[in-house]
């Protein structure tokens, strides 16, 4: 590529970035920041290439020193405006106004280069020098492009690493949650088994106490009704009670020792306790189900219409406005005009579409627990006599 086309390519690219930046809204903050970074890089690269490879050669010629000084001054002004915009929040109300001022300043700088600097370059420098500067421009542009590609690749790799870390964290979370559920289930099962063991142990202890009390009562009965003889202890050990019928005597509710004479009632009383079971209802928590909410990514095809503009060079002949010759006569003159075309650049923004709220709701329900209980009843049998009336005493 020629030096003219290389120097005019940067203004064309900058004009495209200026247009895209002007169309962004204050809400598209990420897009505006990215486009401004590209614009800043493009303008600074254009100025650096001129100051490193072109202006040192032009300073050696007296007729181009003033042009070089003006161009450097314009570059400093552009850099100052870029720095001010970089420090300004991209959604600030004055951002677009300052961007317009920067665009006007750079547009004037590009026009000055096209009308004054480039023709002076063709006169002051030889073809070999111009070709050398053009090659250095191409090398600088290639290195800048490669640096951008490397930076983009690094960003992609960083994004991939972040996604992999997020996926690993999600897997660890699911593993921990599954382990917690297993531990909870095991704890609930162990609690249930412990409760059942304690219940069985209590029932066994109650039955043991009941049997012990029954044995003590039977022994006391035999002692109370058996006559004392020299063989009393032998009879007691052998289970004999002097031929009399054994009776089961248990402690009464009056506080007196059973089997003794009750002076108030005129005889002995024997107490038979009647027992009754009651239902005792307890509660425990069991796992009634698990709800799992998983977020995953799906892709869908979308399309959107966008208007693109193409520039084409039109060459036509026409009658001159005046027949007076101006400028240099009978010299070679070449004009190069860069044609530009807009191409779509796709970017993606992320916003919250909706939120999923996961919570537990507690409700109460009533249920009927059915079971069987036992109680003692009595049956009275008397031969040849009327059944006595049962009286409740307090």
Protein backbone atom coordinates (compact mmCIF):
# COMPACT_ATOMS: atom_id res chain seq x y z
CA UNK A 1 0.00 0.00 0.00
CA UNK A 2 1.09 3.57 -0.64
CA UNK A 3 1.83 6.06 2.11
CA UNK A 4 -1.18 8.15 1.11
CA UNK A 5 -3.60 5.25 1.42
CA UNK A 6 -2.06 4.21 4.76
CA UNK A 7 -2.40 7.71 6.22
CA UNK A 8 -5.98 8.05 4.97
CA UNK A 9 -7.06 4.63 6.26
CA UNK A 10 -6.84 5.74 9.91
CA UNK A 11 -9.27 8.68 9.48
CA UNK A 12 -11.74 6.37 7.70
CA UNK A 13 -11.60 3.82 10.53
CA UNK A 14 -11.88 6.62 13.10
CA UNK A 15 -14.93 8.06 11.33
CA UNK A 16 -16.64 4.67 11.57
CA UNK A 17 -15.90 4.43 15.31
CA UNK A 18 -17.09 7.99 15.88
CA UNK A 19 -20.39 7.18 14.18
CA UNK A 20 -20.94 4.02 16.19
CA UNK A 21 -20.10 5.77 19.44
CA UNK A 22 -22.55 8.57 18.70
CA UNK A 23 -25.36 6.05 18.21
CA UNK A 24 -24.90 4.40 21.61
CA UNK A 25 -27.17 5.24 24.54
CA UNK A 26 -26.19 5.98 28.12
CA UNK A 27 -27.47 2.53 29.15
CA UNK A 28 -25.06 0.73 26.77
CA UNK A 29 -22.12 1.46 29.06
CA UNK A 30 -20.03 -1.63 28.22
CA UNK A 31 -20.43 -1.10 24.47
CA UNK A 32 -19.50 2.58 24.77
CA UNK A 33 -16.41 1.77 26.82
CA UNK A 34 -15.26 -0.85 24.32
CA UNK A 35 -15.79 1.40 21.28
CA UNK A 36 -14.00 4.32 22.94
CA UNK A 37 -11.03 2.07 23.76
CA UNK A 38 -10.83 1.07 20.08
CA UNK A 39 -11.07 4.72 18.98
CA UNK A 40 -8.37 5.84 21.40
CA UNK A 41 -6.06 3.05 20.25
CA UNK A 42 -6.62 3.92 16.58
CA UNK A 43 -5.95 7.66 16.99
CA UNK A 44 -2.90 7.17 19.18
CA UNK A 45 -1.45 4.60 16.78
CA UNK A 46 -1.91 7.01 13.85
CA UNK A 47 -0.15 9.83 15.72
CA UNK A 48 2.69 7.57 16.95
CA UNK A 49 3.43 6.25 13.46
CA UNK A 50 3.59 9.79 12.05
CA UNK A 51 5.84 11.09 14.83
CA UNK A 52 8.19 8.08 14.74
CA UNK A 53 8.65 7.50 11.00
CA UNK A 54 7.47 10.52 9.00
CA UNK A 55 8.00 13.73 10.94
CA UNK A 56 11.78 13.18 11.59
CA UNK A 57 12.37 13.13 7.82
CA UNK A 58 10.18 16.18 7.18
CA UNK A 59 11.99 18.24 9.85
CA UNK A 60 15.12 18.11 7.71
CA UNK A 61 13.44 20.21 5.03
CA UNK A 62 12.76 23.89 5.66
CA UNK A 63 9.55 23.97 3.63
CA UNK A 64 7.91 21.26 5.76
CA UNK A 65 9.07 22.21 9.29
CA UNK A 66 6.09 24.44 9.94
CA UNK A 67 3.69 21.76 8.70
CA UNK A 68 5.31 19.24 11.04
CA UNK A 69 5.02 21.65 14.00
CA UNK A 70 1.31 22.20 13.28
CA UNK A 71 0.71 18.46 12.90
CA UNK A 72 2.44 17.71 16.24
CA UNK A 73 0.37 20.43 17.87
CA UNK A 74 -2.81 18.83 16.48
CA UNK A 75 -1.71 15.43 17.77
CA UNK A 76 -1.16 16.86 21.26
CA UNK A 77 -4.61 18.43 21.19
CA UNK A 78 -6.19 15.11 20.14
CA UNK A 79 -4.34 13.24 22.91
CA UNK A 80 -5.48 15.78 25.52
CA UNK A 81 -9.10 15.44 24.43
CA UNK A 82 -8.81 11.64 24.48
CA UNK A 83 -7.42 11.72 28.03
CA UNK A 84 -10.25 13.98 29.18
CA UNK A 85 -12.84 11.63 27.67
CA UNK A 86 -11.13 8.58 29.18
CA UNK A 87 -11.37 10.06 32.68
CA UNK A 88 -15.00 11.06 32.13
CA UNK A 89 -17.69 8.44 32.97
CA UNK A 90 -18.97 7.07 29.68
CA UNK A 91 -22.60 7.58 30.72
CA UNK A 92 -22.02 11.21 31.72
CA UNK A 93 -24.39 13.73 30.18
CA UNK A 94 -21.50 15.66 28.53
CA UNK A 95 -19.75 12.62 27.06
CA UNK A 96 -21.36 12.81 23.61
CA UNK A 97 -20.79 16.59 23.40
CA UNK A 98 -17.09 16.22 24.15
CA UNK A 99 -16.92 13.31 21.71
CA UNK A 100 -18.36 15.57 18.99
CA UNK A 101 -15.70 18.20 19.74
CA UNK A 102 -12.98 15.55 19.46
CA UNK A 103 -14.44 14.36 16.16
CA UNK A 104 -14.40 17.90 14.74
CA UNK A 105 -10.79 18.47 15.82
CA UNK A 106 -9.58 15.18 14.32
CA UNK A 107 -11.56 15.75 11.15
CA UNK A 108 -9.84 19.13 10.67
CA UNK A 109 -6.47 17.50 11.36
CA UNK A 110 -7.17 14.85 8.71
CA UNK A 111 -8.18 17.51 6.18
CA UNK A 112 -4.98 19.47 6.81
CA UNK A 113 -2.89 16.34 6.31
CA UNK A 114 -4.69 15.51 3.06
CA UNK A 115 -4.47 19.02 1.56
CA UNK A 116 -1.10 20.23 2.90
CA UNK A 117 1.04 17.53 4.49
CA UNK A 118 0.71 14.75 1.90
CA UNK A 119 1.49 16.98 -1.12
CA UNK A 120 4.51 18.33 0.79
CA UNK A 121 5.67 14.78 1.48
CA UNK A 122 5.58 13.98 -2.22
CA UNK A 123 7.75 17.04 -2.95
CA UNK A 124 10.21 16.86 -0.08
CA UNK A 125 10.91 13.12 0.02
CA UNK A 126 12.17 10.82 -2.66
CA UNK A 127 10.25 7.79 -3.86
CA UNK A 128 12.62 5.54 -1.92
CA UNK A 129 12.08 7.48 1.31
CA UNK A 130 8.33 7.47 0.83
CA UNK A 131 8.38 3.72 0.22
CA UNK A 132 10.50 3.16 3.34
CA UNK A 133 8.07 5.20 5.47
CA UNK A 134 5.14 3.26 3.98
CA UNK A 135 6.81 -0.05 4.87
CA UNK A 136 7.40 1.14 8.44
CA UNK A 137 3.75 2.19 8.65
CA UNK A 138 2.65 -1.25 7.47
CA UNK A 139 4.94 -2.95 9.99
CA UNK A 140 3.60 -0.82 12.83
CA UNK A 141 0.00 -1.49 11.82
CA UNK A 142 0.69 -5.23 11.59
CA UNK A 143 2.31 -5.30 15.03
CA UNK A 144 -0.61 -3.34 16.51
CA UNK A 145 -3.09 -5.73 14.89
CA UNK A 146 -1.21 -8.74 16.23
CA UNK A 147 -1.16 -7.18 19.70
CA UNK A 148 -4.93 -6.70 19.53
CA UNK A 149 -5.41 -10.32 18.48
CA UNK A 150 -3.18 -11.51 21.32
CA UNK A 151 -5.12 -9.36 23.78
CA UNK A 152 -8.46 -10.68 22.47
CA UNK A 153 -7.17 -14.24 22.73
CA UNK A 154 -6.05 -13.59 26.29
CA UNK A 155 -9.49 -12.24 27.15
CA UNK A 156 -11.11 -15.32 25.63
CA UNK A 157 -8.80 -17.60 27.62
CA UNK A 158 -9.54 -15.64 30.81
CA UNK A 159 -13.26 -15.93 30.14
CA UNK A 160 -12.88 -19.66 29.54
CA UNK A 161 -10.96 -20.07 32.79
CA UNK A 162 -13.65 -18.15 34.66
CA UNK A 163 -16.36 -20.36 33.16
CA UNK A 164 -14.41 -23.50 34.06
CA UNK A 165 -13.92 -22.23 37.62
CA UNK A 166 -17.63 -21.41 37.88
CA UNK A 167 -18.56 -24.89 36.60
CA UNK A 168 -16.13 -26.51 39.05
CA UNK A 169 -17.59 -24.45 41.90
CA UNK A 170 -21.09 -25.51 40.84
CA UNK A 171 -20.05 -29.17 40.82
CA UNK A 172 -18.47 -28.81 44.26
CA UNK A 173 -21.65 -27.16 45.53
CA UNK A 174 -23.82 -29.95 44.16
CA UNK A 175 -21.50 -32.57 45.67
CA UNK A 176 -21.58 -30.86 49.07
CA UNK A 177 -25.36 -30.51 48.89
CA UNK A 178 -25.75 -34.21 48.00
CA UNK A 179 -23.40 -35.18 50.85
CA UNK A 180 -25.37 -32.97 53.25
CA UNK A 181 -28.62 -34.67 52.22
CA UNK A 182 -27.04 -38.10 52.75
CA UNK A 183 -25.75 -37.09 56.19
CA UNK A 184 -29.18 -35.68 57.06
CA UNK A 185 -30.88 -38.91 55.98
CA UNK A 186 -28.38 -41.00 57.96
CA UNK A 187 -28.86 -38.79 61.03
CA UNK A 188 -32.64 -39.09 60.79
CA UNK A 189 -32.39 -42.87 60.46
CA UNK A 190 -30.01 -43.10 63.42
CA UNK A 191 -32.36 -40.91 65.48
CA UNK A 192 -35.30 -43.15 64.60
CA UNK A 193 -33.39 -46.30 65.52
CA UNK A 194 -32.24 -44.73 68.81
CA UNK A 195 -35.81 -43.74 69.67
CA UNK A 196 -37.05 -47.25 68.92
CA UNK A 197 -34.25 -48.74 71.05
CA UNK A 198 -35.07 -46.43 73.96
CA UNK A 199 -38.76 -47.32 73.63
CA UNK A 200 -38.05 -51.05 73.64
CA UNK A 201 -35.70 -50.66 76.61
CA UNK A 202 -38.38 -48.73 78.52
CA UNK A 203 -40.99 -51.37 77.80
CA UNK A 204 -38.63 -54.13 78.93
CA UNK A 205 -37.79 -52.25 82.13
CA UNK A 206 -41.48 -51.67 82.84
CA UNK A 207 -42.26 -55.36 82.35
CA UNK A 208 -39.34 -56.32 84.60
CA UNK A 209 -40.57 -54.01 87.36
CA UNK A 210 -44.09 -55.39 86.98
CA UNK A 211 -42.88 -58.99 87.28
CA UNK A 212 -40.73 -58.11 90.31
CA UNK A 213 -43.66 -56.43 92.04
CA UNK A 214 -45.88 -59.42 91.30
CA UNK A 215 -43.31 -61.78 92.79
CA UNK A 216 -42.96 -59.65 95.92
CA UNK A 217 -46.76 -59.50 96.32
CA UNK A 218 -47.12 -63.27 95.99
CA UNK A 219 -44.36 -63.82 98.53
CA UNK A 220 -46.00 -61.39 100.94
CA UNK A 221 -49.32 -63.18 100.50
CA UNK A 222 -47.82 -66.53 101.36
CA UNK A 223 -46.14 -65.09 104.42
CA UNK A 224 -49.34 -63.41 105.58
CA UNK A 225 -51.60 -66.47 105.40
CA UNK A 226 -49.24 -69.29 106.25
CA UNK A 227 -49.15 -70.55 109.93
CA UNK A 228 -45.78 -70.46 111.57
CA UNK A 229 -44.38 -73.97 112.11
CA UNK A 230 -40.94 -75.30 112.62
CA UNK A 231 -40.95 -76.09 108.91
CA UNK A 232 -42.19 -72.63 107.99
CA UNK A 233 -39.14 -71.60 105.96
CA UNK A 234 -38.94 -75.00 104.32
CA UNK A 235 -42.58 -74.75 103.30
CA UNK A 236 -42.02 -71.27 102.02
CA UNK A 237 -39.03 -72.33 99.95
CA UNK A 238 -40.93 -75.35 98.61
CA UNK A 239 -43.98 -73.25 97.75
CA UNK A 240 -46.29 -74.78 100.40
CA UNK A 241 -48.52 -72.59 102.53
CA UNK A 242 -50.11 -75.01 104.98
CA UNK A 243 -52.80 -76.28 102.58
CA UNK A 244 -54.58 -72.98 102.37
CA UNK A 245 -55.56 -71.46 99.04
CA UNK A 246 -53.15 -68.78 97.74
CA UNK A 247 -54.50 -65.33 97.10
CA UNK A 248 -52.89 -62.44 95.24
CA UNK A 249 -52.73 -59.41 97.50
CA UNK A 250 -51.49 -56.10 96.25
CA UNK A 251 -51.10 -52.82 98.09
CA UNK A 252 -54.34 -50.93 98.52
CA UNK A 253 -54.99 -47.30 97.93
CA UNK A 254 -55.71 -46.70 101.63
CA UNK A 255 -52.09 -46.69 102.69
CA UNK A 256 -52.56 -49.76 104.95
CA UNK A 257 -50.62 -52.97 104.49
CA UNK A 258 -52.69 -55.47 102.50
CA UNK A 259 -54.07 -58.54 104.26
CA UNK A 260 -54.43 -56.89 107.68
CA UNK A 261 -57.64 -56.31 109.55
CA UNK A 262 -59.47 -53.12 108.63
CA UNK A 263 -61.23 -51.96 111.78
CA UNK A 264 -63.45 -49.54 109.92
CA UNK A 265 -64.71 -52.12 107.46
CA UNK A 266 -64.71 -55.10 109.77
CA UNK A 267 -62.45 -57.34 107.73
CA UNK A 268 -59.55 -57.57 105.34
CA UNK A 269 -59.46 -55.92 101.90
CA UNK A 270 -57.70 -57.09 98.81
CA UNK A 271 -57.01 -54.55 96.03
CA UNK A 272 -56.90 -55.48 92.36
CA UNK A 273 -55.63 -52.51 90.25
CA UNK A 274 -57.27 -52.06 86.83
CA UNK A 275 -54.82 -50.63 84.29
CA UNK A 276 -55.56 -48.76 81.08
CA UNK A 277 -53.30 -47.72 78.21
CA UNK A 278 -53.47 -44.29 76.55
CA UNK A 279 -52.07 -43.12 73.21
CA UNK A 280 -49.07 -40.82 73.47
CA UNK A 281 -48.50 -39.07 70.12
CA UNK A 282 -45.06 -37.70 69.25
CA UNK A 283 -43.64 -36.19 66.05
CA UNK A 284 -40.46 -36.56 64.04
CA UNK A 285 -39.28 -35.04 60.77
CA UNK A 286 -38.86 -37.27 57.71
CA UNK A 287 -37.73 -36.51 54.16
CA UNK A 288 -40.86 -36.18 52.01
CA UNK A 289 -39.14 -35.21 48.75
CA UNK A 290 -36.41 -33.11 47.17
CA UNK A 291 -36.85 -30.23 44.71
CA UNK A 292 -33.85 -29.33 42.55
CA UNK A 293 -33.68 -26.13 40.48
CA UNK A 294 -30.86 -26.14 37.89
CA UNK A 295 -29.89 -23.26 35.64
CA UNK A 296 -28.50 -24.08 32.21
CA UNK A 297 -27.79 -22.21 28.98
CA UNK A 298 -29.67 -22.65 25.72
CA UNK A 299 -28.90 -21.00 22.41
CA UNK A 300 -31.43 -19.64 19.94
CA UNK A 301 -30.99 -18.02 16.56
CA UNK A 302 -31.95 -14.33 16.28
CA UNK A 303 -31.70 -11.81 13.48
CA UNK A 304 -31.90 -8.05 13.19
CA UNK A 305 -31.94 -5.64 10.27
CA UNK A 306 -29.20 -3.01 10.14
CA UNK A 307 -28.55 -0.24 7.60
CA UNK A 308 -25.00 -0.16 6.17
CA UNK A 309 -23.46 2.55 4.01
CA UNK A 310 -20.94 2.08 1.19
CA UNK A 311 -18.80 4.81 -0.36
CA UNK A 312 -17.85 4.63 -4.02
CA UNK A 313 -15.66 7.02 -5.96
CA UNK A 314 -17.43 8.75 -8.84
CA UNK A 315 -15.24 10.20 -11.59
CA UNK A 316 -16.93 12.50 -14.11
CA UNK A 317 -16.05 15.20 -16.56
CA UNK A 318 -17.63 18.63 -16.52
CA UNK A 319 -17.09 22.06 -17.94
CA UNK A 320 -14.80 24.28 -15.82
CA UNK A 321 -16.33 27.06 -13.83
CA UNK A 322 -13.64 29.45 -15.12
CA UNK A 323 -11.05 29.14 -17.84
CA UNK A 324 -8.31 30.73 -15.73
CA UNK A 325 -5.57 28.21 -14.91
CA UNK A 326 -4.61 27.99 -11.24
CA UNK A 327 -1.91 26.02 -9.47
CA UNK A 328 0.95 24.26 -11.18
CA UNK A 329 0.68 23.64 -14.88
CA UNK A 330 1.82 20.72 -16.95
CA UNK A 331 2.98 18.63 -13.97
CA UNK A 332 2.02 15.14 -13.01
CA UNK A 333 -0.74 14.97 -10.41
CA UNK A 334 -2.34 11.90 -8.84
CA UNK A 335 -5.24 11.84 -6.46
CA UNK A 336 -6.14 8.82 -4.37
CA UNK A 337 -9.53 8.57 -2.72
CA UNK A 338 -10.22 5.77 -0.25
CA UNK A 339 -13.53 3.97 -0.65
CA UNK A 340 -15.12 2.75 2.55
CA UNK A 341 -17.84 0.27 3.32
CA UNK A 342 -19.59 -0.41 6.57
CA UNK A 343 -19.69 -3.94 7.90
CA UNK A 344 -21.79 -5.13 10.81
CA UNK A 345 -20.01 -5.80 14.09
CA UNK A 346 -21.95 -7.97 16.48
CA UNK A 347 -21.68 -7.43 20.21
CA UNK A 348 -23.75 -8.95 22.95
CA UNK A 349 -25.10 -7.41 26.13
CA UNK A 350 -26.44 -9.25 29.15
CA UNK A 351 -29.45 -8.17 31.21
CA UNK A 352 -31.61 -9.86 33.83
CA UNK A 353 -34.66 -11.31 32.11
CA UNK A 354 -36.42 -12.61 35.23
CA UNK A 355 -35.60 -13.98 38.66
CA UNK A 356 -36.33 -17.40 40.12
CA UNK A 357 -36.97 -17.37 43.88
CA UNK A 358 -36.62 -20.66 45.75
CA UNK A 359 -37.98 -20.80 49.28
CA UNK A 360 -39.80 -23.22 51.60
CA UNK A 361 -43.39 -22.58 52.69
CA UNK A 362 -44.64 -24.14 55.93
CA UNK A 363 -48.25 -25.29 56.17
CA UNK A 364 -50.19 -27.21 58.80
CA UNK A 365 -52.32 -30.27 58.25
CA UNK A 366 -54.30 -32.45 60.62
CA UNK A 367 -54.26 -36.23 60.51
CA UNK A 368 -55.95 -38.96 62.50
CA UNK A 369 -53.72 -41.47 64.27
CA UNK A 370 -55.36 -44.80 64.97
CA UNK A 371 -54.17 -47.56 67.22
CA UNK A 372 -55.26 -50.06 69.87
CA UNK A 373 -55.01 -49.64 73.61
CA UNK A 374 -55.50 -52.17 76.37
CA UNK A 375 -57.29 -51.94 79.70
CA UNK A 376 -58.15 -54.27 82.52
CA UNK A 377 -61.70 -55.40 83.20
CA UNK A 378 -63.06 -57.68 85.98
CA UNK A 379 -65.47 -60.52 85.93
CA UNK A 380 -67.17 -61.60 89.17
CA UNK A 381 -68.45 -65.12 89.60
CA UNK A 382 -70.21 -66.22 92.81
CA UNK A 383 -72.11 -69.47 93.19
CA UNK A 384 -75.45 -69.38 95.00
CA UNK A 385 -75.12 -65.76 96.04
CA UNK A 386 -76.18 -62.45 94.53
CA UNK A 387 -73.53 -60.45 92.66
CA UNK A 388 -72.30 -57.72 94.96
CA UNK A 389 -72.72 -54.15 93.99
CA UNK A 390 -69.49 -52.39 92.95
CA UNK A 391 -69.10 -49.09 94.74
CA UNK A 392 -66.58 -46.42 93.77
CA UNK A 393 -64.72 -45.03 96.77
CA UNK A 394 -62.52 -42.02 96.95
